Amino acid sequence: MAFKYATVLVKNPKTKLREVRARAVSDKVGIRQLMKDITAETTLTSTDVKACIESFQRQVVRNLQNGDAVNLGDLGTIYPTLRSDAATKEDSFNPAMIRGVMVRFRPAHTLKGEINAELSYTKTATKKAQAAANKAATEAQNAALRAQAEEADDGE
């Protein structure tokens, strides 16, 4: 599999110099695509896969709401953390100072190893550059169509 990346110019905070670095360029894979892929390589139907994924999501949320970490085996661990305001003394802290729960993910070492195993890299444009190129192509196509329409009007 080829991992897509683009090069970008970034400022090094230590040296204050600008450097070219690689950045991942990724597409989003939706739940429907995951369901199709799982269905294709198992004996489960898409309905079975959908039910399993939805149940899995509810169970993860329920456990996180209880403040529990959820170990996902060879994937890693998803766990909750809290954001809160600070208090100067233990007895002056109250639950109203808690601003919310954040969800974190810690990948397992096996996941990191599997991702990096036999990986190749393919250079591509950044999403921003791709969008600009698509816009320019659309504008060029529209200009060509307008020119054709004007020629047709002149010919009448």
N, C-alpha and C. Protein backbone atom coordinates (compact mmCIF):
# COMPACT_ATOMS: atom_id res chain seq x y z
N MET A 1 0.83 -1.18 0.00
CA MET A 1 0.00 0.00 0.00
C MET A 1 0.87 1.24 0.00
N ALA A 2 0.38 2.26 -0.65
CA ALA A 2 1.13 3.51 -0.73
C ALA A 2 0.50 4.56 0.18
N PHE A 3 1.31 5.13 1.02
CA PHE A 3 0.90 6.18 1.95
C PHE A 3 1.10 7.51 1.23
N LYS A 4 0.03 8.30 1.09
CA LYS A 4 0.12 9.57 0.37
C LYS A 4 0.64 10.67 1.29
N TYR A 5 1.58 11.46 0.74
CA TYR A 5 2.12 12.59 1.49
C TYR A 5 2.33 13.76 0.55
N ALA A 6 2.43 14.93 1.15
CA ALA A 6 2.77 16.14 0.41
C ALA A 6 3.87 16.84 1.19
N THR A 7 4.64 17.65 0.50
CA THR A 7 5.68 18.41 1.19
C THR A 7 5.16 19.82 1.42
N VAL A 8 5.47 20.34 2.59
CA VAL A 8 5.03 21.68 2.96
C VAL A 8 6.21 22.42 3.59
N LEU A 9 6.20 23.73 3.47
CA LEU A 9 7.22 24.58 4.06
C LEU A 9 6.75 24.99 5.44
N VAL A 10 7.50 24.64 6.47
CA VAL A 10 7.12 24.95 7.85
C VAL A 10 8.30 25.62 8.56
N LYS A 11 7.97 26.36 9.60
CA LYS A 11 8.99 27.04 10.38
C LYS A 11 9.41 26.13 11.53
N ASN A 12 10.72 25.91 11.66
CA ASN A 12 11.26 25.12 12.76
C ASN A 12 11.26 26.01 14.00
N PRO A 13 10.52 25.62 15.07
CA PRO A 13 10.44 26.48 16.25
C PRO A 13 11.78 26.66 16.98
N LYS A 14 12.68 25.70 16.83
CA LYS A 14 13.97 25.80 17.50
C LYS A 14 14.92 26.75 16.77
N THR A 15 15.04 26.54 15.45
CA THR A 15 16.01 27.33 14.67
C THR A 15 15.39 28.55 14.02
N LYS A 16 14.07 28.63 13.99
CA LYS A 16 13.32 29.72 13.35
C LYS A 16 13.50 29.74 11.83
N LEU A 17 14.13 28.70 11.28
CA LEU A 17 14.31 28.61 9.84
C LEU A 17 13.14 27.86 9.23
N ARG A 18 12.87 28.13 7.96
CA ARG A 18 11.80 27.42 7.27
C ARG A 18 12.38 26.16 6.63
N GLU A 19 11.66 25.06 6.79
CA GLU A 19 12.12 23.76 6.30
C GLU A 19 11.00 23.06 5.55
N VAL A 20 11.38 22.19 4.64
CA VAL A 20 10.41 21.37 3.92
C VAL A 20 10.21 20.08 4.70
N ARG A 21 8.97 19.79 5.03
CA ARG A 21 8.63 18.57 5.77
C ARG A 21 7.52 17.83 5.04
N ALA A 22 7.40 16.54 5.36
CA ALA A 22 6.32 15.73 4.79
C ALA A 22 5.09 15.80 5.69
N ARG A 23 3.92 15.86 5.09
CA ARG A 23 2.66 15.82 5.82
C ARG A 23 1.76 14.78 5.16
N ALA A 24 1.06 14.04 5.97
CA ALA A 24 0.13 13.02 5.46
C ALA A 24 -1.01 13.70 4.71
N VAL A 25 -1.39 13.13 3.59
CA VAL A 25 -2.55 13.58 2.83
C VAL A 25 -3.51 12.40 2.83
N SER A 26 -4.61 12.54 3.54
CA SER A 26 -5.50 11.39 3.71
C SER A 26 -6.92 11.70 3.28
N ASP A 27 -7.59 10.68 2.84
CA ASP A 27 -9.01 10.74 2.53
C ASP A 27 -9.74 10.10 3.69
N LYS A 28 -11.00 10.44 3.84
CA LYS A 28 -11.80 9.83 4.90
C LYS A 28 -12.50 8.59 4.35
N VAL A 29 -12.48 7.53 5.13
CA VAL A 29 -13.20 6.32 4.79
C VAL A 29 -14.43 6.29 5.68
N GLY A 30 -15.59 6.25 5.08
CA GLY A 30 -16.83 6.28 5.84
C GLY A 30 -17.24 4.93 6.37
N ILE A 31 -18.22 4.96 7.23
CA ILE A 31 -18.71 3.74 7.87
C ILE A 31 -19.28 2.78 6.82
N ARG A 32 -19.90 3.31 5.79
CA ARG A 32 -20.47 2.43 4.75
C ARG A 32 -19.38 1.67 4.01
N GLN A 33 -18.28 2.34 3.73
CA GLN A 33 -17.17 1.67 3.06
C GLN A 33 -16.57 0.60 3.97
N LEU A 34 -16.40 0.92 5.24
CA LEU A 34 -15.90 -0.08 6.18
C LEU A 34 -16.84 -1.29 6.24
N MET A 35 -18.14 -1.03 6.25
CA MET A 35 -19.12 -2.13 6.27
C MET A 35 -18.99 -3.00 5.03
N LYS A 36 -18.84 -2.38 3.87
CA LYS A 36 -18.68 -3.14 2.62
C LYS A 36 -17.41 -3.99 2.67
N ASP A 37 -16.33 -3.40 3.15
CA ASP A 37 -15.05 -4.12 3.22
C ASP A 37 -15.14 -5.30 4.17
N ILE A 38 -15.76 -5.10 5.34
CA ILE A 38 -15.89 -6.18 6.32
C ILE A 38 -16.80 -7.28 5.77
N THR A 39 -17.89 -6.88 5.13
CA THR A 39 -18.81 -7.85 4.53
C THR A 39 -18.12 -8.68 3.46
N ALA A 40 -17.26 -8.04 2.68
CA ALA A 40 -16.56 -8.73 1.59
C ALA A 40 -15.58 -9.78 2.09
N GLU A 41 -15.02 -9.60 3.29
CA GLU A 41 -14.03 -10.56 3.75
C GLU A 41 -14.51 -11.45 4.89
N THR A 42 -15.81 -11.40 5.18
CA THR A 42 -16.37 -12.28 6.21
C THR A 42 -17.65 -12.92 5.69
N THR A 43 -18.27 -13.74 6.50
CA THR A 43 -19.55 -14.34 6.13
C THR A 43 -20.72 -13.53 6.67
N LEU A 44 -20.42 -12.38 7.27
CA LEU A 44 -21.47 -11.53 7.83
C LEU A 44 -22.17 -10.73 6.73
N THR A 45 -23.43 -10.46 6.93
CA THR A 45 -24.16 -9.59 6.00
C THR A 45 -23.89 -8.14 6.39
N SER A 46 -24.21 -7.22 5.50
CA SER A 46 -24.01 -5.80 5.82
C SER A 46 -24.88 -5.38 7.00
N THR A 47 -26.05 -5.97 7.14
CA THR A 47 -26.93 -5.67 8.27
C THR A 47 -26.28 -6.14 9.58
N ASP A 48 -25.67 -7.32 9.56
CA ASP A 48 -24.98 -7.83 10.75
C ASP A 48 -23.81 -6.92 11.13
N VAL A 49 -23.05 -6.51 10.14
CA VAL A 49 -21.89 -5.66 10.39
C VAL A 49 -22.34 -4.31 10.94
N LYS A 50 -23.38 -3.74 10.34
CA LYS A 50 -23.90 -2.45 10.80
C LYS A 50 -24.37 -2.55 12.25
N ALA A 51 -25.10 -3.60 12.58
CA ALA A 51 -25.60 -3.78 13.95
C ALA A 51 -24.43 -3.92 14.92
N CYS A 52 -23.42 -4.66 14.53
CA CYS A 52 -22.25 -4.86 15.39
C CYS A 52 -21.51 -3.55 15.63
N ILE A 53 -21.30 -2.78 14.57
CA ILE A 53 -20.58 -1.51 14.70
C ILE A 53 -21.38 -0.53 15.57
N GLU A 54 -22.68 -0.46 15.34
CA GLU A 54 -23.51 0.45 16.14
C GLU A 54 -23.52 0.04 17.61
N SER A 55 -23.60 -1.26 17.89
CA SER A 55 -23.55 -1.74 19.27
C SER A 55 -22.19 -1.46 19.89
N PHE A 56 -21.13 -1.68 19.14
CA PHE A 56 -19.78 -1.41 19.61
C PHE A 56 -19.64 0.06 20.00
N GLN A 57 -20.13 0.95 19.14
CA GLN A 57 -20.06 2.38 19.42
C GLN A 57 -20.81 2.73 20.70
N ARG A 58 -22.02 2.19 20.88
CA ARG A 58 -22.80 2.46 22.09
C ARG A 58 -22.07 1.97 23.33
N GLN A 59 -21.44 0.80 23.26
CA GLN A 59 -20.73 0.25 24.41
C GLN A 59 -19.50 1.08 24.75
N VAL A 60 -18.78 1.54 23.74
CA VAL A 60 -17.61 2.38 23.99
C VAL A 60 -18.05 3.67 24.67
N VAL A 61 -19.09 4.31 24.14
CA VAL A 61 -19.59 5.56 24.73
C VAL A 61 -20.03 5.33 26.17
N ARG A 62 -20.77 4.26 26.41
CA ARG A 62 -21.26 3.96 27.77
C ARG A 62 -20.09 3.80 28.74
N ASN A 63 -19.05 3.10 28.34
CA ASN A 63 -17.90 2.91 29.21
C ASN A 63 -17.13 4.20 29.43
N LEU A 64 -16.98 5.00 28.38
CA LEU A 64 -16.30 6.30 28.53
C LEU A 64 -17.09 7.21 29.46
N GLN A 65 -18.43 7.17 29.36
CA GLN A 65 -19.26 7.98 30.25
C GLN A 65 -19.11 7.56 31.71
N ASN A 66 -18.75 6.31 31.94
CA ASN A 66 -18.48 5.82 33.30
C ASN A 66 -17.07 6.18 33.76
N GLY A 67 -16.28 6.80 32.87
CA GLY A 67 -14.91 7.15 33.20
C GLY A 67 -13.92 6.03 32.98
N ASP A 68 -14.36 4.96 32.31
CA ASP A 68 -13.51 3.80 32.08
C ASP A 68 -12.76 3.91 30.76
N ALA A 69 -11.55 3.39 30.74
CA ALA A 69 -10.79 3.24 29.51
C ALA A 69 -11.26 1.97 28.82
N VAL A 70 -11.25 1.97 27.48
CA VAL A 70 -11.68 0.80 26.73
C VAL A 70 -10.48 0.27 25.95
N ASN A 71 -10.05 -0.95 26.30
CA ASN A 71 -8.93 -1.59 25.63
C ASN A 71 -9.46 -2.25 24.36
N LEU A 72 -8.92 -1.84 23.23
CA LEU A 72 -9.36 -2.36 21.93
C LEU A 72 -8.39 -3.40 21.39
N GLY A 73 -7.72 -4.10 22.28
CA GLY A 73 -6.81 -5.17 21.87
C GLY A 73 -5.63 -4.64 21.08
N ASP A 74 -5.39 -5.22 19.91
CA ASP A 74 -4.24 -4.84 19.09
C ASP A 74 -4.38 -3.46 18.44
N LEU A 75 -5.53 -2.82 18.60
CA LEU A 75 -5.68 -1.45 18.09
C LEU A 75 -5.10 -0.45 19.07
N GLY A 76 -5.43 -0.60 20.34
CA GLY A 76 -4.95 0.34 21.35
C GLY A 76 -6.01 0.56 22.41
N THR A 77 -5.94 1.69 23.07
CA THR A 77 -6.86 2.02 24.15
C THR A 77 -7.45 3.39 23.93
N ILE A 78 -8.76 3.49 24.11
CA ILE A 78 -9.45 4.77 24.06
C ILE A 78 -9.83 5.10 25.50
N TYR A 79 -9.55 6.33 25.93
CA TYR A 79 -9.77 6.65 27.33
C TYR A 79 -10.21 8.11 27.50
N PRO A 80 -10.95 8.39 28.58
CA PRO A 80 -11.41 9.75 28.83
C PRO A 80 -10.43 10.53 29.71
N THR A 81 -10.36 11.83 29.49
CA THR A 81 -9.64 12.74 30.37
C THR A 81 -10.55 13.92 30.65
N LEU A 82 -10.24 14.70 31.66
CA LEU A 82 -11.07 15.85 32.02
C LEU A 82 -10.34 17.16 31.77
N ARG A 83 -11.11 18.18 31.40
CA ARG A 83 -10.62 19.56 31.34
C ARG A 83 -11.28 20.26 32.51
N SER A 84 -10.50 21.00 33.26
CA SER A 84 -11.10 21.72 34.39
C SER A 84 -10.33 23.00 34.67
N ASP A 85 -11.01 23.90 35.37
CA ASP A 85 -10.35 25.10 35.87
C ASP A 85 -9.57 24.70 37.11
N ALA A 86 -8.60 25.51 37.46
CA ALA A 86 -7.76 25.21 38.62
C ALA A 86 -8.32 25.85 39.88
N ALA A 87 -8.05 25.22 40.99
CA ALA A 87 -8.39 25.76 42.31
C ALA A 87 -7.10 25.89 43.11
N THR A 88 -7.07 26.82 44.03
CA THR A 88 -5.86 27.02 44.83
C THR A 88 -5.75 26.00 45.96
N LYS A 89 -6.90 25.47 46.41
CA LYS A 89 -6.90 24.49 47.50
C LYS A 89 -7.82 23.34 47.15
N GLU A 90 -7.55 22.17 47.70
CA GLU A 90 -8.35 20.97 47.47
C GLU A 90 -9.83 21.21 47.81
N ASP A 91 -10.10 21.83 48.97
CA ASP A 91 -11.49 21.99 49.39
C ASP A 91 -12.22 23.10 48.65
N SER A 92 -11.52 23.90 47.84
CA SER A 92 -12.21 24.93 47.06
C SER A 92 -12.56 24.45 45.65
N PHE A 93 -12.14 23.24 45.30
CA PHE A 93 -12.50 22.68 43.99
C PHE A 93 -13.90 22.10 44.06
N ASN A 94 -14.71 22.36 43.02
CA ASN A 94 -16.05 21.77 42.95
C ASN A 94 -16.32 21.31 41.53
N PRO A 95 -17.29 20.40 41.36
CA PRO A 95 -17.56 19.83 40.03
C PRO A 95 -17.92 20.87 38.96
N ALA A 96 -18.40 22.03 39.37
CA ALA A 96 -18.74 23.08 38.38
C ALA A 96 -17.49 23.58 37.66
N MET A 97 -16.33 23.30 38.22
CA MET A 97 -15.07 23.74 37.60
C MET A 97 -14.62 22.79 36.49
N ILE A 98 -15.29 21.65 36.38
CA ILE A 98 -14.98 20.70 35.30
C ILE A 98 -15.65 21.21 34.03
N ARG A 99 -14.85 21.44 33.00
CA ARG A 99 -15.37 22.00 31.74
C ARG A 99 -15.78 20.94 30.74
N GLY A 100 -15.36 19.71 30.91
CA GLY A 100 -15.79 18.68 29.98
C GLY A 100 -14.85 17.51 29.91
N VAL A 101 -15.29 16.51 29.17
CA VAL A 101 -14.52 15.29 28.98
C VAL A 101 -13.91 15.31 27.58
N MET A 102 -12.65 14.92 27.49
CA MET A 102 -12.00 14.75 26.19
C MET A 102 -11.72 13.27 26.02
N VAL A 103 -11.74 12.81 24.80
CA VAL A 103 -11.48 11.41 24.52
C VAL A 103 -10.12 11.32 23.83
N ARG A 104 -9.28 10.42 24.33
CA ARG A 104 -7.94 10.23 23.79
C ARG A 104 -7.80 8.79 23.30
N PHE A 105 -6.85 8.60 22.40
CA PHE A 105 -6.57 7.27 21.88
C PHE A 105 -5.07 7.02 21.97
N ARG A 106 -4.70 5.90 22.54
CA ARG A 106 -3.30 5.49 22.63
C ARG A 106 -3.15 4.22 21.81
N PRO A 107 -2.50 4.30 20.64
CA PRO A 107 -2.36 3.11 19.80
C PRO A 107 -1.47 2.05 20.44
N ALA A 108 -1.78 0.80 20.18
CA ALA A 108 -0.96 -0.31 20.67
C ALA A 108 0.32 -0.39 19.84
N HIS A 109 1.36 -0.93 20.43
CA HIS A 109 2.63 -1.09 19.71
C HIS A 109 2.45 -1.97 18.48
N THR A 110 1.59 -2.97 18.58
CA THR A 110 1.37 -3.85 17.42
C THR A 110 0.73 -3.08 16.27
N LEU A 111 -0.16 -2.14 16.57
CA LEU A 111 -0.78 -1.34 15.52
C LEU A 111 0.26 -0.48 14.82
N LYS A 112 1.11 0.15 15.61
CA LYS A 112 2.17 0.98 15.03
C LYS A 112 3.07 0.14 14.11
N GLY A 113 3.39 -1.08 14.58
CA GLY A 113 4.24 -1.96 13.77
C GLY A 113 3.56 -2.39 12.49
N GLU A 114 2.27 -2.72 12.57
CA GLU A 114 1.54 -3.15 11.38
C GLU A 114 1.42 -2.03 10.36
N ILE A 115 1.21 -0.80 10.83
CA ILE A 115 1.07 0.33 9.91
C ILE A 115 2.38 0.57 9.17
N ASN A 116 3.51 0.47 9.86
CA ASN A 116 4.80 0.75 9.26
C ASN A 116 5.40 -0.41 8.47
N ALA A 117 4.83 -1.60 8.60
CA ALA A 117 5.37 -2.78 7.91
C ALA A 117 5.13 -2.66 6.40
N GLU A 118 6.18 -2.84 5.64
CA GLU A 118 6.10 -2.88 4.18
C GLU A 118 5.32 -1.71 3.59
N LEU A 119 5.60 -0.53 4.07
CA LEU A 119 4.89 0.67 3.63
C LEU A 119 5.72 1.40 2.58
N SER A 120 5.06 1.86 1.54
CA SER A 120 5.73 2.70 0.55
C SER A 120 5.05 4.07 0.58
N TYR A 121 5.70 5.05 0.01
CA TYR A 121 5.20 6.42 0.07
C TYR A 121 5.03 6.97 -1.34
N THR A 122 3.94 7.72 -1.54
CA THR A 122 3.65 8.33 -2.82
C THR A 122 3.41 9.82 -2.61
N LYS A 123 4.19 10.64 -3.31
CA LYS A 123 4.04 12.09 -3.18
C LYS A 123 2.83 12.55 -3.96
N THR A 124 2.05 13.44 -3.36
CA THR A 124 0.86 14.00 -3.98
C THR A 124 0.77 15.46 -3.58
N ALA A 125 -0.19 16.16 -4.11
CA ALA A 125 -0.40 17.56 -3.74
C ALA A 125 -1.20 17.63 -2.45
N THR A 126 -1.08 18.74 -1.76
CA THR A 126 -1.87 18.94 -0.55
C THR A 126 -3.34 19.08 -0.94
N LYS A 127 -4.23 18.90 0.01
CA LYS A 127 -5.67 19.04 -0.27
C LYS A 127 -5.97 20.44 -0.79
N LYS A 128 -5.30 21.44 -0.23
CA LYS A 128 -5.50 22.83 -0.66
C LYS A 128 -5.07 23.00 -2.12
N ALA A 129 -3.92 22.44 -2.49
CA ALA A 129 -3.43 22.53 -3.86
C ALA A 129 -4.33 21.76 -4.81
N GLN A 130 -4.83 20.60 -4.38
CA GLN A 130 -5.76 19.83 -5.20
C GLN A 130 -7.04 20.61 -5.46
N ALA A 131 -7.56 21.27 -4.43
CA ALA A 131 -8.78 22.07 -4.57
C ALA A 131 -8.55 23.23 -5.53
N ALA A 132 -7.40 23.89 -5.43
CA ALA A 132 -7.08 25.01 -6.32
C ALA A 132 -6.96 24.53 -7.77
N ALA A 133 -6.34 23.38 -7.98
CA ALA A 133 -6.21 22.83 -9.33
C ALA A 133 -7.57 22.46 -9.90
N ASN A 134 -8.42 21.86 -9.08
CA ASN A 134 -9.78 21.52 -9.54
C ASN A 134 -10.57 22.77 -9.90
N LYS A 135 -10.44 23.81 -9.09
CA LYS A 135 -11.14 25.07 -9.36
C LYS A 135 -10.65 25.68 -10.66
N ALA A 136 -9.33 25.69 -10.88
CA ALA A 136 -8.75 26.24 -12.10
C ALA A 136 -9.21 25.45 -13.33
N ALA A 137 -9.26 24.13 -13.20
CA ALA A 137 -9.70 23.30 -14.32
C ALA A 137 -11.17 23.56 -14.64
N THR A 138 -11.99 23.72 -13.61
CA THR A 138 -13.41 24.00 -13.82
C THR A 138 -13.59 25.36 -14.49
N GLU A 139 -12.84 26.35 -14.02
CA GLU A 139 -12.92 27.69 -14.62
C GLU A 139 -12.47 27.67 -16.08
N ALA A 140 -11.42 26.92 -16.39
CA ALA A 140 -10.93 26.81 -17.77
C ALA A 140 -11.98 26.13 -18.64
N GLN A 141 -12.60 25.08 -18.11
CA GLN A 141 -13.64 24.38 -18.86
C GLN A 141 -14.84 25.29 -19.11
N ASN A 142 -15.23 26.06 -18.09
CA ASN A 142 -16.34 27.00 -18.25
C ASN A 142 -16.02 28.08 -19.27
N ALA A 143 -14.78 28.56 -19.27
CA ALA A 143 -14.36 29.59 -20.24
C ALA A 143 -14.41 29.02 -21.66
N ALA A 144 -13.99 27.77 -21.81
CA ALA A 144 -14.03 27.14 -23.13
C ALA A 144 -15.47 26.97 -23.60
N LEU A 145 -16.36 26.59 -22.72
CA LEU A 145 -17.77 26.44 -23.08
C LEU A 145 -18.39 27.79 -23.44
N ARG A 146 -18.03 28.85 -22.70
CA ARG A 146 -18.54 30.19 -23.03
C ARG A 146 -18.04 30.63 -24.40
N ALA A 147 -16.76 30.33 -24.68
CA ALA A 147 -16.19 30.71 -25.99
C ALA A 147 -16.91 29.97 -27.11
N GLN A 148 -17.23 28.68 -26.91
CA GLN A 148 -17.96 27.92 -27.92
C GLN A 148 -19.35 28.49 -28.12
N ALA A 149 -19.97 28.88 -27.02
CA ALA A 149 -21.34 29.44 -27.11
C ALA A 149 -21.31 30.78 -27.86
N GLU A 150 -20.28 31.59 -27.60
CA GLU A 150 -20.15 32.87 -28.31
C GLU A 150 -19.91 32.65 -29.79
N GLU A 151 -19.08 31.66 -30.17
CA GLU A 151 -18.83 31.34 -31.57
C GLU A 151 -20.13 30.90 -32.25
N ALA A 152 -20.90 30.11 -31.53
CA ALA A 152 -22.17 29.64 -32.10
C ALA A 152 -23.12 30.80 -32.29
N ASP A 153 -23.13 31.76 -31.36
CA ASP A 153 -23.99 32.95 -31.49
C ASP A 153 -23.55 33.83 -32.63
N ASP A 154 -22.23 33.95 -32.86
CA ASP A 154 -21.70 34.76 -33.95
C ASP A 154 -22.03 34.14 -35.30
N GLY A 155 -22.11 32.84 -35.37
CA GLY A 155 -22.36 32.12 -36.61
C GLY A 155 -23.81 32.20 -37.05
N GLU A 156 -24.71 32.58 -36.18
CA GLU A 156 -26.14 32.62 -36.54
C GLU A 156 -26.51 33.84 -37.29
